[in-house]
Structure formats: structure tokens, C-alpha cells
């Protein structure tokens, strides 16, 4: 190889046996095996130098307890820069393997290889540090940790609410049995206790998505799903049946069974009939916005997977559309990285080998972060306006990436406990879930022809506006944000195009896309 390049990096035992080796240029297996096997013969344990040269290459090594960190370069390479590269790689070994034991290194070989790939690209050192490499390989998300804390707090709150509701209903049942004067039936007590405002016919119909009638019949149809967490309601005894009947009497649940749960965290995945070659493109996005639509953070992760179902079609390569340079791409260790960088194609390094059979193989991953609002797929604002005895809340959305078609969009606004919102105007459909205290605004499709919309609701609440946050946004799309597209799948033997099936999904799951109060 010409120029100043690193040919290979390896971790070797004291006897010179390679434990992990990563090549950064095109080189035959026999050639690299010969170079690695020659290292222990050339190394002088008593020498103060940490490099040795042959006619064609230079070996640079650093002792690490019972192993050596070794890099092989050509002789024209800058030895000062190569020593800096060597020291950086030596720091990665204990960081990714946990210890310098041979077994630990072998067990964590893939993680170490991924880290080495971030140091060297096409034989040349990248300007990275250990902490930067950690970020790139782990793709750690601060927003995910915040989301987990928020979810735990929500679970605690739901449990406490369920306990209070249980005690309240038990008290109502006892008073109904004693037949206290002036109390009337349990249904009358429950109706009076819930407040005259919540019984108004203009309140939002619960579990109704398409009807916006203001008639008493349409708006009195109140129902909600049983909570998944906290108190569980199961009709397995006469006591639990009485409990459910009490809930129905006070309008907390419907007498009809609930057959469909629209709040499942995982979006419905369209079933695709797989052909002999199946390709999947999967992207997930997490976003944190402030209440005035300022972008705090945005992170997109994607993966391209290939699955071979027929061994007759296991020797293939994928031709992709030209990739966007602003995304960080990482190929599987068995994929020809240089070919991907030059041609945007996915092919095995050794084309004589086959893709694994009936095993989805993640051949390409990508990541993108941004603090620019223009990069958002969907911008959502929430404006609570407090009044003397009412609060008006305005919601708006705007599609910023017109190449995306977003389906099953849900914008969920938390509602203060004990209050029922009244929607004044809405694009799309809506529903109030009293069990969770959430107003769900639903839009079947958001695309360039339906790029803007709004919803306005009021409720008799004069507390802090932070109670309406965080607003959770969920959607799915069959168009990738990154633009990663498979143009064709071709045979390695004659380059002929082959038939294949594909599944593409961009998704924002529960709690990953939020407008937060700040």
C-alpha cells in the first residue's frame, strides 16, 4: 500500500499468537497471517525500542501486562503519528475488554474491533479520543435515561391514584349498603361526587375517535381501558364483579368489553411476505423539544438487515442509493468498508463466502444528531394560556421533512388529575383517557398535503401550566429519514439483479419524542 497508512492492528499474546486482528486496507489473508507470524521472531524482549522494521513494513508495539498491542504500517508512514495511534489503541483494550486477560480480550473481540474502526478509517487515523469513541460505539442517550426516570414516576403516580380510587369506591359501597338517609343510590352518589362539570354533555367522548357530535347521547359514552400498571381489575370473583359494576355506575368504565388497546407502546408492524432475499431498514428517533418549540436534542439511529431464506441466493451484494455524508455510518466487520465508502454497496469482504441462512444480519448501522429545528421530522408546540377560572391549551403540529409520510400520529397531552378537557376545535380525531389522565390527539396521515394542523381545548383549571407537560408524540413511517434506499440486490457471480422483499420503518416510540416544560 502506498502513502502513510496503518495496515493492521492486533492484540497478541506474549508468544506472538494474535488474539484479535483488524485490517484497514485490502490485503490477502495469507499475507497478513505471514506478517503477524513474523512479529515474535523479530521482537527483541531486551531492546528498549518499541518498534522493529523489515524490508517492507514497520511493527510498532506496546506491552500490556500479558499481551502486546501491535500495529503494522508501511515504512513511509509517520512514526510519531503511529506511536500516538498505538497509545490510543492500547487505552481501548482495558476499556472495552474489562481486563488484559486473554480470555476477556477474546470474549470482547467484536466490541474492541468496533472501537478500533473508529480510530482508523481507510488506513488513516481519525481525530478522536477515548471518550469520543465511547460515545460513537455505545450511542448512549441522556434523553433515554431521563425518559426512564419519568416513566418510573408515572408508574408510582398511577399506583397511588388506583389506591385512592379503590378506597373511594369501597367507601361508596359501604354507604350504599347502610342506606344512609339523603344519600340515595350509589349511582347517584358517584354522579354527584364527580362534579357537575365532568357530567356536561360537551365533555370529550371517551374511546370515541370519529364522532364529534355535541348531543348528550354521543358525549355521554364514557369508557376507558384498565390500567396496565398499578391496580389490576379482573372479573374472577363476585367481589371483583361488584367492584367493576361500581366503576361502571360512576362512569369510570364501559359495560362493553374493550377489544382493542390503542395505547400499546409498540406500533403495529405490517406483516410482509418474505421472499428468498429479505431486506429490512429500521430507524428510531428520539427528540426533546421545549414548550416554545426550541430543539434541545435529536438523535436518529438506523440499521440495515439482510436475511437469506434460500441458500441458492446467499452470494449477493446490495447496491444502495448514495448516502448522505452528514450521517455516521458503520459497517459490520465482515462487510467491505472501502467498497461501501466508494460505491455505496454492501458486499462481503470475501465474496466467495455466503451470507448466513435464515438469520437477519445487521450489515449497516447509522446515527445522526442535531440541534437544528430544521432537521426535525415533525415540530409540535403546546401553548397553555391561564385565565381567571379556565385554562386554554393550543396544540399545533408542522411537518418539516416533506419527503416523509407519517402514519398513525398520536400527540398525547397529560391532563391534571380530576379534570376533563373540552375540545373547542380539532383537526383529526381525539379521545380523553381518564384512567391515564391523557388527551390523545390522533392523525391518520401527516404528509406534504396535510403538513399543518391544530387542536384547542379548555378546562376549569388555574394551576401551573407545567401540568400539561411532557407532551408525547408517537408515529410510524415507511419512508426512512436518512434516505438509505436499496436500489437493487445483485448476484456476485454475474451481477444480475435478483428479486427481493423489503420492510422499511421509521418509528418514534412511547416517551422518545417529547415536548418538555423548561
Protein backbone atom coordinates (compact mmCIF):
# COMPACT_ATOMS: atom_id res chain seq x y z
CA UNK A 1 0.00 0.00 0.00
CA UNK A 2 1.20 3.47 -0.87
CA UNK A 3 1.15 6.51 1.41
CA UNK A 4 1.15 6.82 5.17
CA UNK A 5 -1.27 4.10 6.24
CA UNK A 6 -1.87 1.66 9.07
CA UNK A 7 -2.20 -1.80 7.56
CA UNK A 8 -3.36 -3.74 10.61
CA UNK A 9 -3.90 -3.51 14.36
CA UNK A 10 -3.72 -6.58 16.59
CA UNK A 11 -3.60 -7.72 20.19
CA UNK A 12 -1.08 -10.57 20.56
CA UNK A 13 -0.11 -12.85 23.42
CA UNK A 14 3.44 -12.86 24.80
CA UNK A 15 4.23 -15.77 22.49
CA UNK A 16 3.10 -13.72 19.50
CA UNK A 17 -0.22 -15.52 18.93
CA UNK A 18 -2.79 -12.96 17.61
CA UNK A 19 -5.94 -12.76 19.77
CA UNK A 20 -7.70 -10.02 17.79
CA UNK A 21 -6.62 -8.55 14.47
CA UNK A 22 -8.28 -5.84 12.38
CA UNK A 23 -7.12 -4.93 8.84
CA UNK A 24 -7.73 -1.44 7.43
CA UNK A 25 -6.61 -1.92 3.81
CA UNK A 26 -7.20 -4.59 1.18
CA UNK A 27 -4.73 -7.36 1.97
CA UNK A 28 -4.86 -11.11 1.46
CA UNK A 29 -5.31 -13.45 4.41
CA UNK A 30 -2.07 -15.30 3.72
CA UNK A 31 -0.15 -12.02 3.61
CA UNK A 32 -1.48 -10.71 6.95
CA UNK A 33 -1.01 -14.10 8.60
CA UNK A 34 2.60 -14.07 7.43
CA UNK A 35 3.19 -10.58 8.83
CA UNK A 36 1.67 -11.46 12.20
CA UNK A 37 3.56 -14.75 12.48
CA UNK A 38 6.85 -12.95 11.78
CA UNK A 39 6.38 -10.49 14.66
CA UNK A 40 7.51 -12.72 17.60
CA UNK A 41 10.65 -13.68 15.66
CA UNK A 42 11.58 -10.04 15.03
CA UNK A 43 10.77 -8.72 18.52
CA UNK A 44 13.66 -8.32 20.93
CA UNK A 45 12.42 -8.52 24.52
CA UNK A 46 15.61 -6.91 25.86
CA UNK A 47 15.51 -3.95 23.48
CA UNK A 48 14.40 -0.52 24.72
CA UNK A 49 12.78 0.22 21.36
CA UNK A 50 9.10 -0.49 20.79
CA UNK A 51 9.29 -0.82 17.02
CA UNK A 52 11.04 -3.02 14.53
CA UNK A 53 11.35 -2.72 10.75
CA UNK A 54 11.60 -5.18 7.89
CA UNK A 55 12.22 -4.53 4.22
CA UNK A 56 8.58 -3.59 3.56
CA UNK A 57 6.74 -2.85 6.83
CA UNK A 58 7.23 -1.44 10.31
CA UNK A 59 5.95 -3.06 13.53
CA UNK A 60 5.08 -0.81 16.49
CA UNK A 61 4.12 -2.48 19.76
CA UNK A 62 3.38 -1.69 23.38
CA UNK A 63 3.47 -4.25 26.25
CA UNK A 64 0.19 -4.53 28.20
CA UNK A 65 0.89 -6.93 31.10
CA UNK A 66 0.50 -10.37 29.48
CA UNK A 67 -0.25 -9.14 25.93
CA UNK A 68 1.08 -6.78 23.27
CA UNK A 69 -0.78 -4.05 21.40
CA UNK A 70 0.63 -4.15 17.87
CA UNK A 71 0.11 -2.06 14.73
CA UNK A 72 1.68 -2.73 11.33
CA UNK A 73 2.36 0.18 8.97
CA UNK A 74 4.30 0.73 5.79
CA UNK A 75 7.75 2.26 6.16
CA UNK A 76 6.73 5.59 4.66
CA UNK A 77 4.26 6.19 7.48
CA UNK A 78 4.98 8.91 10.08
CA UNK A 79 6.28 7.02 13.12
CA UNK A 80 5.38 9.84 15.54
CA UNK A 81 1.71 9.76 14.47
CA UNK A 82 1.78 5.96 14.50
CA UNK A 83 3.04 5.93 18.10
CA UNK A 84 0.19 8.25 19.06
CA UNK A 85 -2.24 5.83 17.35
CA UNK A 86 -0.67 2.90 19.18
CA UNK A 87 -1.04 4.55 22.60
CA UNK A 88 -4.69 5.41 21.88
CA UNK A 89 -5.47 1.82 20.86
CA UNK A 90 -3.68 0.49 23.95
CA UNK A 91 -6.08 2.53 26.11
CA UNK A 92 -9.06 0.96 24.35
CA UNK A 93 -8.12 -2.63 25.22
CA UNK A 94 -8.82 -2.48 29.01
CA UNK A 95 -11.67 -0.05 28.43
CA UNK A 96 -13.62 -2.44 26.16
CA UNK A 97 -12.40 -5.81 27.43
CA UNK A 98 -12.57 -5.10 31.17
CA UNK A 99 -9.14 -6.61 31.81
CA UNK A 100 -5.96 -7.59 29.97
CA UNK A 101 -6.62 -11.31 30.34
CA UNK A 102 -6.52 -13.28 27.08
CA UNK A 103 -9.97 -14.77 27.69
CA UNK A 104 -11.52 -11.37 28.33
CA UNK A 105 -9.98 -9.99 25.13
CA UNK A 106 -11.24 -12.93 23.07
CA UNK A 107 -14.71 -12.68 24.65
CA UNK A 108 -15.00 -8.94 23.83
CA UNK A 109 -13.32 -9.15 20.42
CA UNK A 110 -16.21 -7.61 18.45
CA UNK A 111 -16.59 -4.64 20.80
CA UNK A 112 -12.85 -3.98 20.53
CA UNK A 113 -12.95 -4.25 16.73
CA UNK A 114 -15.76 -1.68 16.56
CA UNK A 115 -13.69 0.68 18.73
CA UNK A 116 -10.59 0.21 16.53
CA UNK A 117 -12.70 1.03 13.47
CA UNK A 118 -13.41 4.46 14.97
CA UNK A 119 -9.65 5.12 15.29
CA UNK A 120 -8.62 4.18 11.75
CA UNK A 121 -10.52 4.83 8.52
CA UNK A 122 -9.07 3.55 5.22
CA UNK A 123 -5.67 3.26 6.91
CA UNK A 124 -5.57 6.81 8.28
CA UNK A 125 -6.08 7.96 11.89
CA UNK A 126 -9.21 9.87 12.79
CA UNK A 127 -9.14 12.78 15.24
CA UNK A 128 -10.85 11.03 18.13
CA UNK A 129 -10.38 10.47 21.85
CA UNK A 130 -11.31 7.56 24.10
CA UNK A 131 -14.42 9.38 25.35
CA UNK A 132 -15.48 10.23 21.79
CA UNK A 133 -15.05 6.59 20.73
CA UNK A 134 -17.17 5.53 23.72
CA UNK A 135 -19.93 7.86 22.58
CA UNK A 136 -19.79 6.62 18.99
CA UNK A 137 -19.82 2.93 19.86
CA UNK A 138 -22.28 2.92 22.73
CA UNK A 139 -24.62 5.56 21.24
CA UNK A 140 -25.56 6.43 24.83
CA UNK A 141 -28.66 8.61 25.15
CA UNK A 142 -29.13 11.06 28.01
CA UNK A 143 -32.75 11.54 26.89
CA UNK A 144 -33.39 7.81 27.28
CA UNK A 145 -32.24 7.94 30.91
CA UNK A 146 -34.50 10.93 31.56
CA UNK A 147 -37.40 9.08 29.94
CA UNK A 148 -36.86 6.04 32.19
CA UNK A 149 -36.97 8.27 35.29
CA UNK A 150 -40.18 9.96 34.06
CA UNK A 151 -41.79 6.58 33.34
CA UNK A 152 -40.98 5.31 36.84
CA UNK A 153 -42.56 8.44 38.34
CA UNK A 154 -45.66 7.91 36.17
CA UNK A 155 -45.96 4.32 37.41
CA UNK A 156 -45.77 5.45 41.03
CA UNK A 157 -48.40 8.12 40.38
CA UNK A 158 -50.73 5.63 38.66
CA UNK A 159 -50.39 3.23 41.59
CA UNK A 160 -51.26 5.93 44.12
CA UNK A 161 -54.24 7.07 42.02
CA UNK A 162 -55.50 3.49 41.80
CA UNK A 163 -55.27 3.06 45.58
CA UNK A 164 -57.20 6.29 46.22
CA UNK A 165 -59.88 5.31 43.69
CA UNK A 166 -60.19 1.87 45.30
CA UNK A 167 -60.69 3.37 48.78
CA UNK A 168 -63.22 5.86 47.41
CA UNK A 169 -65.30 3.15 45.74
CA UNK A 170 -65.18 0.90 48.82
CA UNK A 171 -66.48 3.81 50.92
CA UNK A 172 -69.30 4.38 48.42
CA UNK A 173 -70.26 0.70 48.55
CA UNK A 174 -70.40 0.70 52.37
CA UNK A 175 -72.55 3.82 52.43
CA UNK A 176 -74.86 2.35 49.79
CA UNK A 177 -75.32 -0.82 51.89
CA UNK A 178 -76.16 1.10 55.07
CA UNK A 179 -78.80 3.10 53.16
CA UNK A 180 -77.89 6.38 54.80
CA UNK A 181 -80.63 8.96 54.55
CA UNK A 182 -80.21 11.61 51.87
CA UNK A 183 -77.51 9.56 50.14
CA UNK A 184 -79.64 7.85 47.52
CA UNK A 185 -78.29 5.07 45.38
CA UNK A 186 -74.61 4.51 44.74
CA UNK A 187 -75.00 5.65 41.15
CA UNK A 188 -76.46 8.97 42.31
CA UNK A 189 -73.66 9.40 44.85
CA UNK A 190 -71.00 8.69 42.27
CA UNK A 191 -72.59 11.08 39.78
CA UNK A 192 -72.74 13.87 42.34
CA UNK A 193 -69.22 13.20 43.60
CA UNK A 194 -67.65 13.51 40.18
CA UNK A 195 -68.70 17.14 39.84
CA UNK A 196 -71.23 18.83 37.56
CA UNK A 197 -68.56 19.90 35.05
CA UNK A 198 -67.44 16.38 34.23
CA UNK A 199 -71.05 15.39 33.53
CA UNK A 200 -71.60 18.16 30.98
CA UNK A 201 -72.66 16.78 27.59
CA UNK A 202 -69.91 18.81 25.87
CA UNK A 203 -67.11 16.84 27.55
CA UNK A 204 -64.95 14.69 25.29
CA UNK A 205 -66.44 11.28 24.46
CA UNK A 206 -64.18 8.61 25.90
CA UNK A 207 -62.99 5.89 23.50
CA UNK A 208 -64.77 7.60 20.57
CA UNK A 209 -62.45 8.59 17.74
CA UNK A 210 -64.68 9.56 14.82
CA UNK A 211 -67.78 11.16 16.39
CA UNK A 212 -67.70 14.85 17.25
CA UNK A 213 -71.45 15.22 17.94
CA UNK A 214 -72.30 17.52 20.87
CA UNK A 215 -75.54 15.61 21.59
CA UNK A 216 -75.91 14.12 25.09
CA UNK A 217 -76.03 10.62 23.63
CA UNK A 218 -72.71 10.96 21.82
CA UNK A 219 -70.87 12.77 24.59
CA UNK A 220 -72.07 10.67 27.49
CA UNK A 221 -70.45 7.49 26.11
CA UNK A 222 -67.62 7.32 28.63
CA UNK A 223 -65.18 4.46 28.85
CA UNK A 224 -61.51 3.87 29.40
CA UNK A 225 -59.15 0.95 29.36
CA UNK A 226 -57.98 -0.72 32.59
CA UNK A 227 -54.54 0.40 33.66
CA UNK A 228 -51.71 -1.97 32.73
CA UNK A 229 -49.67 -0.93 35.74
CA UNK A 230 -50.71 -0.36 39.32
CA UNK A 231 -54.09 -1.77 40.34
CA UNK A 232 -55.35 -4.58 38.05
CA UNK A 233 -59.11 -5.14 37.58
CA UNK A 234 -60.00 -8.81 36.95
CA UNK A 235 -63.53 -10.24 36.89
CA UNK A 236 -62.69 -13.54 38.63
CA UNK A 237 -64.89 -13.29 41.73
CA UNK A 238 -68.16 -11.80 42.91
CA UNK A 239 -66.22 -9.16 44.85
CA UNK A 240 -64.31 -8.05 41.74
CA UNK A 241 -67.58 -8.10 39.73
CA UNK A 242 -69.13 -5.74 42.28
CA UNK A 243 -66.04 -3.57 42.02
CA UNK A 244 -66.32 -3.35 38.23
CA UNK A 245 -70.05 -2.64 38.46
CA UNK A 246 -69.33 0.24 40.84
CA UNK A 247 -66.83 1.67 38.38
CA UNK A 248 -69.40 1.42 35.58
CA UNK A 249 -72.06 3.10 37.72
CA UNK A 250 -69.95 6.18 38.30
CA UNK A 251 -68.93 6.39 34.63
CA UNK A 252 -65.32 5.25 35.04
CA UNK A 253 -65.54 2.21 32.72
CA UNK A 254 -67.83 0.96 29.98
CA UNK A 255 -70.15 -2.04 30.34
CA UNK A 256 -68.96 -3.26 26.94
CA UNK A 257 -65.69 -5.21 26.71
CA UNK A 258 -62.68 -3.43 25.26
CA UNK A 259 -61.33 -5.41 22.32
CA UNK A 260 -58.63 -3.10 21.03
CA UNK A 261 -55.96 -1.24 23.00
CA UNK A 262 -54.79 1.84 21.08
CA UNK A 263 -52.10 2.65 23.67
CA UNK A 264 -49.71 -0.24 23.13
CA UNK A 265 -46.17 1.10 23.22
CA UNK A 266 -45.04 -0.94 20.21
CA UNK A 267 -46.54 0.25 16.91
CA UNK A 268 -48.21 -2.39 14.78
CA UNK A 269 -45.68 -3.87 12.37
CA UNK A 270 -47.02 -4.60 8.93
CA UNK A 271 -46.63 -8.26 8.04
CA UNK A 272 -44.51 -8.63 4.91
CA UNK A 273 -44.38 -11.87 2.96
CA UNK A 274 -40.67 -12.60 2.80
CA UNK A 275 -39.07 -13.71 -0.44
CA UNK A 276 -35.80 -15.65 -0.88
CA UNK A 277 -33.94 -12.42 -0.09
CA UNK A 278 -35.40 -10.08 2.53
CA UNK A 279 -34.12 -6.60 3.40
CA UNK A 280 -35.16 -4.53 6.43
CA UNK A 281 -34.45 -0.85 7.11
CA UNK A 282 -35.32 0.13 10.67
CA UNK A 283 -34.95 3.65 12.10
CA UNK A 284 -35.89 5.06 15.51
CA UNK A 285 -35.80 8.72 16.51
CA UNK A 286 -35.74 10.46 19.88
CA UNK A 287 -36.35 14.20 20.27
CA UNK A 288 -36.64 16.65 23.16
CA UNK A 289 -38.36 19.99 22.44
CA UNK A 290 -39.16 22.85 24.81
CA UNK A 291 -42.66 24.28 25.14
CA UNK A 292 -41.74 27.14 22.77
CA UNK A 293 -40.57 24.68 20.05
CA UNK A 294 -36.81 25.07 20.69
CA UNK A 295 -34.91 21.86 19.95
CA UNK A 296 -32.90 20.55 22.90
CA UNK A 297 -31.69 17.31 21.31
CA UNK A 298 -32.39 14.98 18.41
CA UNK A 299 -30.92 11.55 17.78
CA UNK A 300 -31.67 9.14 14.95
CA UNK A 301 -30.46 5.53 14.86
CA UNK A 302 -30.85 3.19 11.93
CA UNK A 303 -29.94 -0.32 10.85
CA UNK A 304 -30.00 -2.23 7.55
CA UNK A 305 -30.50 -6.01 7.88
CA UNK A 306 -30.27 -8.74 5.26
CA UNK A 307 -31.90 -12.16 5.63
CA UNK A 308 -31.34 -15.04 3.18
CA UNK A 309 -34.08 -17.68 3.14
CA UNK A 310 -32.85 -19.69 0.14
CA UNK A 311 -29.22 -20.93 0.05
CA UNK A 312 -29.22 -20.56 -3.75
CA UNK A 313 -29.28 -16.76 -3.27
CA UNK A 314 -26.71 -16.42 -0.48
CA UNK A 315 -23.92 -14.91 -2.66
CA UNK A 316 -25.23 -11.40 -3.25
CA UNK A 317 -24.42 -7.73 -2.78
CA UNK A 318 -26.69 -4.71 -2.28
CA UNK A 319 -26.48 -1.53 -4.35
CA UNK A 320 -27.64 1.44 -2.27
CA UNK A 321 -28.58 4.95 -3.23
CA UNK A 322 -25.81 7.45 -2.50
CA UNK A 323 -25.69 8.00 1.27
CA UNK A 324 -25.85 11.38 2.98
CA UNK A 325 -22.43 12.40 4.33
CA UNK A 326 -23.91 14.06 7.43
CA UNK A 327 -24.86 10.63 8.84
CA UNK A 328 -22.32 8.49 10.70
CA UNK A 329 -22.24 5.06 9.09
CA UNK A 330 -20.69 1.88 10.48
CA UNK A 331 -20.44 -1.42 8.61
CA UNK A 332 -20.36 -4.95 10.01
CA UNK A 333 -16.76 -6.29 10.37
CA UNK A 334 -17.38 -8.81 7.58
CA UNK A 335 -18.57 -6.12 5.15
CA UNK A 336 -16.16 -4.45 2.72
CA UNK A 337 -15.99 -0.96 4.25
CA UNK A 338 -13.88 0.58 1.48
CA UNK A 339 -16.31 -0.61 -1.17
CA UNK A 340 -19.20 0.87 0.78
CA UNK A 341 -17.41 4.23 1.07
CA UNK A 342 -16.63 4.32 -2.66
CA UNK A 343 -19.65 2.69 -4.28
CA UNK A 344 -22.39 2.76 -1.59
CA UNK A 345 -22.71 -1.01 -1.91
CA UNK A 346 -22.96 -3.71 0.76
CA UNK A 347 -20.77 -6.74 -0.04
CA UNK A 348 -18.84 -9.28 2.00
CA UNK A 349 -15.07 -8.82 2.13
CA UNK A 350 -14.61 -12.38 0.95
CA UNK A 351 -17.12 -12.69 -1.91
CA UNK A 352 -16.57 -16.45 -2.03
CA UNK A 353 -18.37 -16.68 1.31
CA UNK A 354 -22.14 -16.63 1.71
CA UNK A 355 -24.50 -14.62 3.87
CA UNK A 356 -25.82 -16.63 6.87
CA UNK A 357 -29.03 -18.54 6.17
CA UNK A 358 -32.33 -17.60 7.87
CA UNK A 359 -30.55 -15.18 10.18
CA UNK A 360 -31.16 -11.42 9.83
CA UNK A 361 -27.68 -9.89 9.67
CA UNK A 362 -27.20 -6.22 10.59
CA UNK A 363 -24.81 -5.16 7.82
CA UNK A 364 -25.00 -1.38 8.26
CA UNK A 365 -25.79 1.00 11.12
CA UNK A 366 -26.05 4.77 11.11
CA UNK A 367 -26.56 7.60 13.55
CA UNK A 368 -27.36 11.30 13.32
CA UNK A 369 -27.64 14.00 15.97
CA UNK A 370 -28.71 17.61 15.55
CA UNK A 371 -29.65 20.76 17.46
CA UNK A 372 -31.20 22.46 14.42
CA UNK A 373 -35.01 22.72 14.40
CA UNK A 374 -34.98 22.49 10.59
CA UNK A 375 -33.88 18.84 10.89
CA UNK A 376 -36.98 17.80 12.85
CA UNK A 377 -39.41 15.47 11.08
CA UNK A 378 -42.38 16.89 13.00
CA UNK A 379 -42.49 20.07 15.08
CA UNK A 380 -45.13 20.24 17.83
CA UNK A 381 -45.95 23.21 20.08
CA UNK A 382 -48.13 23.31 23.20
CA UNK A 383 -49.35 26.71 24.46
CA UNK A 384 -51.32 26.70 27.76
CA UNK A 385 -52.93 30.10 28.47
CA UNK A 386 -54.25 30.51 32.05
CA UNK A 387 -57.40 32.59 32.59
CA UNK A 388 -59.40 33.66 35.61
CA UNK A 389 -61.10 30.30 36.11
CA UNK A 390 -60.21 28.44 32.91
CA UNK A 391 -57.06 27.38 31.08
CA UNK A 392 -56.98 27.29 27.27
CA UNK A 393 -54.45 24.97 25.63
CA UNK A 394 -53.49 25.24 21.94
CA UNK A 395 -51.65 22.44 20.16
CA UNK A 396 -50.08 22.75 16.70
CA UNK A 397 -48.01 20.46 14.51
CA UNK A 398 -45.93 21.14 11.39
CA UNK A 399 -44.24 18.61 9.09
CA UNK A 400 -40.73 19.89 8.32
CA UNK A 401 -39.45 17.00 6.18
CA UNK A 402 -41.80 16.86 3.20
CA UNK A 403 -40.34 13.60 1.88
CA UNK A 404 -41.80 11.80 4.92
CA UNK A 405 -45.29 10.33 5.16
CA UNK A 406 -46.10 9.84 8.85
CA UNK A 407 -48.87 7.39 9.76
CA UNK A 408 -50.82 6.82 12.98
CA UNK A 409 -49.60 10.04 14.59
CA UNK A 410 -50.56 10.39 18.27
CA UNK A 411 -49.94 13.55 20.30
CA UNK A 412 -50.63 12.84 24.00
CA UNK A 413 -51.14 15.69 26.47
CA UNK A 414 -51.29 14.98 30.23
CA UNK A 415 -54.38 16.43 31.94
CA UNK A 416 -54.35 17.47 35.64
CA UNK A 417 -56.00 14.88 37.88
CA UNK A 418 -59.71 15.30 38.43
CA UNK A 419 -60.30 17.46 35.32
CA UNK A 420 -61.94 16.67 31.98
CA UNK A 421 -60.97 18.77 28.94
CA UNK A 422 -63.48 20.13 26.43
CA UNK A 423 -62.21 20.34 22.85
CA UNK A 424 -63.26 23.51 21.05
CA UNK A 425 -61.59 22.81 17.67
CA UNK A 426 -59.56 19.93 16.25
CA UNK A 427 -58.09 18.60 13.03
CA UNK A 428 -58.27 14.81 13.05
CA UNK A 429 -59.76 12.84 15.96
CA UNK A 430 -59.25 12.91 19.72
CA UNK A 431 -60.00 10.95 22.88
CA UNK A 432 -59.65 11.51 26.62
CA UNK A 433 -58.34 8.55 28.63
CA UNK A 434 -59.49 9.23 32.20
CA UNK A 435 -57.61 6.20 33.57
CA UNK A 436 -54.28 7.64 32.49
CA UNK A 437 -55.33 11.31 32.56
CA UNK A 438 -54.24 11.87 28.94
CA UNK A 439 -55.84 13.63 25.98
CA UNK A 440 -54.83 11.77 22.81
CA UNK A 441 -54.91 13.71 19.51
CA UNK A 442 -54.83 11.32 16.55
CA UNK A 443 -53.95 11.97 12.92
CA UNK A 444 -54.14 9.11 10.44
CA UNK A 445 -51.64 10.62 7.98
CA UNK A 446 -49.33 13.63 8.13
CA UNK A 447 -47.71 14.37 4.76
CA UNK A 448 -46.99 17.32 2.49
CA UNK A 449 -50.72 17.64 1.73
CA UNK A 450 -51.58 17.60 5.44
CA UNK A 451 -48.49 19.30 6.82
CA UNK A 452 -50.17 21.54 9.42
CA UNK A 453 -52.91 21.16 11.99
CA UNK A 454 -54.16 22.35 15.35
CA UNK A 455 -56.31 21.42 18.34
CA UNK A 456 -57.70 23.67 21.09
CA UNK A 457 -59.24 22.62 24.39
CA UNK A 458 -60.28 24.26 27.66
CA UNK A 459 -60.74 23.03 31.22
CA UNK A 460 -61.55 24.63 34.61
CA UNK A 461 -58.01 24.64 35.92
CA UNK A 462 -55.94 27.52 37.34
CA UNK A 463 -52.81 25.67 38.48
CA UNK A 464 -49.31 25.63 36.98
CA UNK A 465 -49.01 25.15 33.22
CA UNK A 466 -46.24 22.61 33.74
CA UNK A 467 -49.01 20.06 34.42
CA UNK A 468 -49.61 19.83 30.64
CA UNK A 469 -46.07 18.54 30.00
CA UNK A 470 -44.36 16.46 28.80
CA UNK A 471 -46.31 16.10 25.56
CA UNK A 472 -45.58 12.72 23.99
CA UNK A 473 -45.51 12.29 20.18
CA UNK A 474 -45.69 8.88 18.50
CA UNK A 475 -45.73 7.99 14.82
CA UNK A 476 -44.54 5.49 12.22
CA UNK A 477 -43.44 5.85 8.60
CA UNK A 478 -42.47 3.60 5.72
CA UNK A 479 -40.08 6.27 4.45
CA UNK A 480 -36.61 6.38 6.07
CA UNK A 481 -35.49 9.75 7.41
CA UNK A 482 -31.89 9.09 6.32
CA UNK A 483 -32.78 8.34 2.69
CA UNK A 484 -30.98 4.99 2.86
CA UNK A 485 -32.52 3.06 -0.04
CA UNK A 486 -31.74 -0.28 -1.66
CA UNK A 487 -31.63 0.24 -5.42
CA UNK A 488 -31.06 -3.43 -6.24
CA UNK A 489 -29.83 -6.77 -4.93
CA UNK A 490 -27.40 -8.41 -7.35
CA UNK A 491 -25.73 -11.76 -7.77
CA UNK A 492 -21.99 -11.84 -7.05
CA UNK A 493 -21.40 -14.29 -9.90
CA UNK A 494 -22.88 -12.43 -12.89
CA UNK A 495 -24.06 -9.11 -11.38
CA UNK A 496 -27.65 -9.91 -12.42
CA UNK A 497 -30.47 -8.28 -10.40
CA UNK A 498 -32.41 -10.57 -8.06
CA UNK A 499 -35.93 -10.36 -6.69
CA UNK A 500 -36.24 -9.45 -3.01
CA UNK A 501 -38.77 -8.32 -0.41
CA UNK A 502 -38.28 -5.36 1.91
CA UNK A 503 -39.69 -3.78 5.04
CA UNK A 504 -38.94 -0.14 5.92
CA UNK A 505 -39.95 1.58 9.14
CA UNK A 506 -39.19 4.88 10.87
CA UNK A 507 -40.75 4.99 14.33
CA UNK A 508 -40.99 7.23 17.36
CA UNK A 509 -41.95 5.02 20.29
CA UNK A 510 -43.53 5.91 23.62
CA UNK A 511 -41.58 8.57 25.53
CA UNK A 512 -38.87 9.07 22.89
CA UNK A 513 -40.30 12.17 21.17
CA UNK A 514 -41.41 14.80 23.69
CA UNK A 515 -42.20 18.45 24.28
CA UNK A 516 -40.96 19.18 27.82
CA UNK A 517 -41.60 22.07 30.20
CA UNK A 518 -38.39 24.08 30.73
